[in-house]
C-alpha atoms as a PDB file:
ATOM      1  CA  MET A   1    -114.449  79.682 -45.913  1.00  0.00           C
ATOM      2  CA  PRO A   2    -112.988  82.844 -47.092  1.00  0.00           C
ATOM      3  CA  ASP A   3    -116.625  84.534 -46.622  1.00  0.00           C
ATOM      4  CA  LEU A   4    -116.160  83.482 -42.889  1.00  0.00           C
ATOM      5  CA  ILE A   5    -112.844  85.022 -42.491  1.00  0.00           C
ATOM      6  CA  GLU A   6    -114.247  88.242 -44.153  1.00  0.00           C
ATOM      7  CA  ALA A   7    -117.429  88.577 -42.346  1.00  0.00           C
ATOM      8  CA  TRP A   8    -114.792  88.252 -39.086  1.00  0.00           C
ATOM      9  CA  ASN A   9    -112.407  90.832 -40.212  1.00  0.00           C
ATOM     10  CA  LYS A  10    -115.306  93.060 -40.412  1.00  0.00           C
ATOM     11  CA  LEU A  11    -116.108  92.810 -37.101  1.00  0.00           C
ATOM     12  CA  ASN A  12    -112.702  92.425 -35.446  1.00  0.00           C
ATOM     13  CA  PRO A  13    -110.332  95.196 -37.511  1.00  0.00           C
ATOM     14  CA  LYS A  14    -106.600  94.185 -37.336  1.00  0.00           C
ATOM     15  CA  THR A  15    -105.782  97.109 -35.509  1.00  0.00           C
ATOM     16  CA  GLY A  16    -102.045  96.350 -34.287  1.00  0.00           C
ATOM     17  CA  ILE A  17    -101.810  98.794 -31.661  1.00  0.00           C
ATOM     18  CA  ALA A  18    -103.665  98.046 -28.524  1.00  0.00           C
ATOM     19  CA  ASN A  19    -104.245 102.063 -27.779  1.00  0.00           C
ATOM     20  CA  GLN A  20    -103.979 104.076 -30.293  1.00  0.00           C
ATOM     21  CA  ASN A  21    -104.230 107.184 -28.299  1.00  0.00           C
ATOM     22  CA  ARG A  22    -100.742 106.174 -26.583  1.00  0.00           C
ATOM     23  CA  GLU A  23     -97.439 106.727 -28.073  1.00  0.00           C
ATOM     24  CA  LYS A  24     -95.348 104.029 -26.155  1.00  0.00           C
ATOM     25  CA  HIS A  25     -97.458 101.144 -27.723  1.00  0.00           C
ATOM     26  CA  THR A  26     -96.770 102.318 -30.940  1.00  0.00           C
ATOM     27  CA  ILE A  27     -95.455  99.843 -33.374  1.00  0.00           C
ATOM     28  CA  ALA A  28     -91.968 100.979 -35.351  1.00  0.00           C
ATOM     29  CA  PRO A  29     -92.623 101.481 -39.039  1.00  0.00           C
ATOM     30  CA  GLY A  30     -91.552  97.743 -40.879  1.00  0.00           C
ATOM     31  CA  LYS A  31     -91.505  96.168 -37.309  1.00  0.00           C
ATOM     32  CA  VAL A  32     -94.203  93.482 -36.482  1.00  0.00           C
ATOM     33  CA  LYS A  33     -94.039  91.724 -33.104  1.00  0.00           C
ATOM     34  CA  TRP A  34     -95.577  88.285 -32.965  1.00  0.00           C
ATOM     35  CA  GLY A  35     -98.257  88.869 -30.749  1.00  0.00           C
ATOM     36  CA  THR A  36     -99.902  91.764 -32.880  1.00  0.00           C
ATOM     37  CA  TYR A  37    -101.401  89.202 -35.202  1.00  0.00           C
ATOM     38  CA  GLY A  38    -100.504  85.853 -34.382  1.00  0.00           C
ATOM     39  CA  ASN A  39    -103.932  85.818 -32.813  1.00  0.00           C
ATOM     40  CA  TYR A  40    -105.470  86.208 -36.088  1.00  0.00           C
ATOM     41  CA  LYS A  41    -103.053  83.351 -38.024  1.00  0.00           C
ATOM     42  CA  LEU A  42    -103.763  80.649 -35.270  1.00  0.00           C
ATOM     43  CA  ARG A  43    -107.811  81.890 -35.953  1.00  0.00           C
ATOM     44  CA  ASP A  44    -107.665  81.603 -39.915  1.00  0.00           C
ATOM     45  CA  TYR A  45    -105.918  78.110 -38.827  1.00  0.00           C
ATOM     46  CA  LEU A  46    -108.577  77.236 -36.651  1.00  0.00           C
ATOM     47  CA  MET A  47    -110.965  78.049 -39.436  1.00  0.00           C
ATOM     48  CA  ASN A  48    -109.491  76.126 -41.448  1.00  0.00           C
ATOM     49  CA  LEU A  49    -109.854  73.161 -39.344  1.00  0.00           C
ATOM     50  CA  ILE A  50    -113.442  73.771 -38.597  1.00  0.00           C
ATOM     51  CA  GLU A  51    -113.814  73.904 -42.471  1.00  0.00           C
ATOM     52  CA  VAL A  52    -112.670  70.533 -43.138  1.00  0.00           C
ATOM     53  CA  LEU A  53    -113.957  68.890 -40.457  1.00  0.00           C
ATOM     54  CA  GLU A  54    -117.488  70.558 -41.208  1.00  0.00           C
ATOM     55  CA  ASN A  55    -117.536  69.837 -45.209  1.00  0.00           C
ATOM     56  CA  ASP A  56    -117.116  65.698 -44.256  1.00  0.00           C
ATOM     57  CA  LYS A  57    -113.525  66.408 -46.556  1.00  0.00           C
ATOM     58  CA  VAL A  58    -111.993  62.838 -46.212  1.00  0.00           C
ATOM     59  CA  VAL A  59    -108.829  63.194 -44.566  1.00  0.00           C
ATOM     60  CA  VAL A  60    -107.685  59.589 -43.349  1.00  0.00           C
ATOM     61  CA  GLN A  61    -109.762  56.484 -43.883  1.00  0.00           C
ATOM     62  CA  ILE A  62    -111.104  55.000 -40.751  1.00  0.00           C
ATOM     63  CA  PRO A  63    -111.818  51.353 -39.440  1.00  0.00           C
ATOM     64  CA  LYS A  64    -115.517  50.758 -39.050  1.00  0.00           C
ATOM     65  CA  THR A  65    -114.701  49.705 -35.502  1.00  0.00           C
ATOM     66  CA  ASN A  66    -113.162  53.406 -34.532  1.00  0.00           C
ATOM     67  CA  GLN A  67    -115.685  55.497 -36.388  1.00  0.00           C
ATOM     68  CA  GLN A  68    -117.915  56.171 -33.451  1.00  0.00           C
ATOM     69  CA  TYR A  69    -114.995  57.134 -31.591  1.00  0.00           C
ATOM     70  CA  PHE A  70    -113.803  59.451 -34.282  1.00  0.00           C
ATOM     71  CA  LYS A  71    -116.720  61.072 -34.822  1.00  0.00           C
ATOM     72  CA  ILE A  72    -117.337  62.233 -31.003  1.00  0.00           C
ATOM     73  CA  LEU A  73    -113.734  63.237 -31.241  1.00  0.00           C
ATOM     74  CA  GLU A  74    -114.332  65.447 -34.290  1.00  0.00           C
ATOM     75  CA  LYS A  75    -117.560  66.978 -32.830  1.00  0.00           C
ATOM     76  CA  ASN A  76    -115.225  68.094 -29.602  1.00  0.00           C
ATOM     77  CA  ILE A  77    -112.763  69.876 -31.811  1.00  0.00           C
ATOM     78  CA  ILE A  78    -115.068  71.361 -34.027  1.00  0.00           C
ATOM     79  CA  GLU A  79    -116.917  72.874 -30.876  1.00  0.00           C
ATOM     80  CA  SER A  80    -113.533  73.655 -29.026  1.00  0.00           C
ATOM     81  CA  SER A  81    -112.328  75.189 -32.115  1.00  0.00           C
ATOM     82  CA  LYS A  82    -114.911  77.613 -32.341  1.00  0.00           C
ATOM     83  CA  LYS A  83    -115.012  78.741 -28.537  1.00  0.00           C
ATOM     84  CA  MET A  84    -110.962  79.613 -29.330  1.00  0.00           C
ATOM     85  CA  VAL A  85    -111.887  81.354 -32.317  1.00  0.00           C
ATOM     86  CA  LYS A  86    -114.745  83.579 -30.357  1.00  0.00           C
ATOM     87  CA  LEU A  87    -111.901  84.113 -27.880  1.00  0.00           C
ATOM     88  CA  LEU A  88    -109.650  85.428 -30.289  1.00  0.00           C
END
C-alpha cells in the first residue's frame, strides 16, 4: 500500500496553495487549513480500505447465507473508493 501512495504523490504533489503566483491565496507559516490537505487524508483512508478489501483480509466472519450479498457489496465499495480516489 505505501507504494501506491508514493506513486500517487509523485503524480499529484501536495502543493498546499491553489495558485502559488497569487499572494492572497498563500497560507501563513504554521497555519494549515483543513481543505488544503484534507483530500489527501481522505485519499489515504480510501486506499487503505481498498487494500484491506482487495487482499481478502478477514475483518468479520459472515454466515454462508449472506456471503453473496456481502461479496457484491464489497465489490461496489472497492469500485466506488477507486472512483473517489481518482476524483481526489
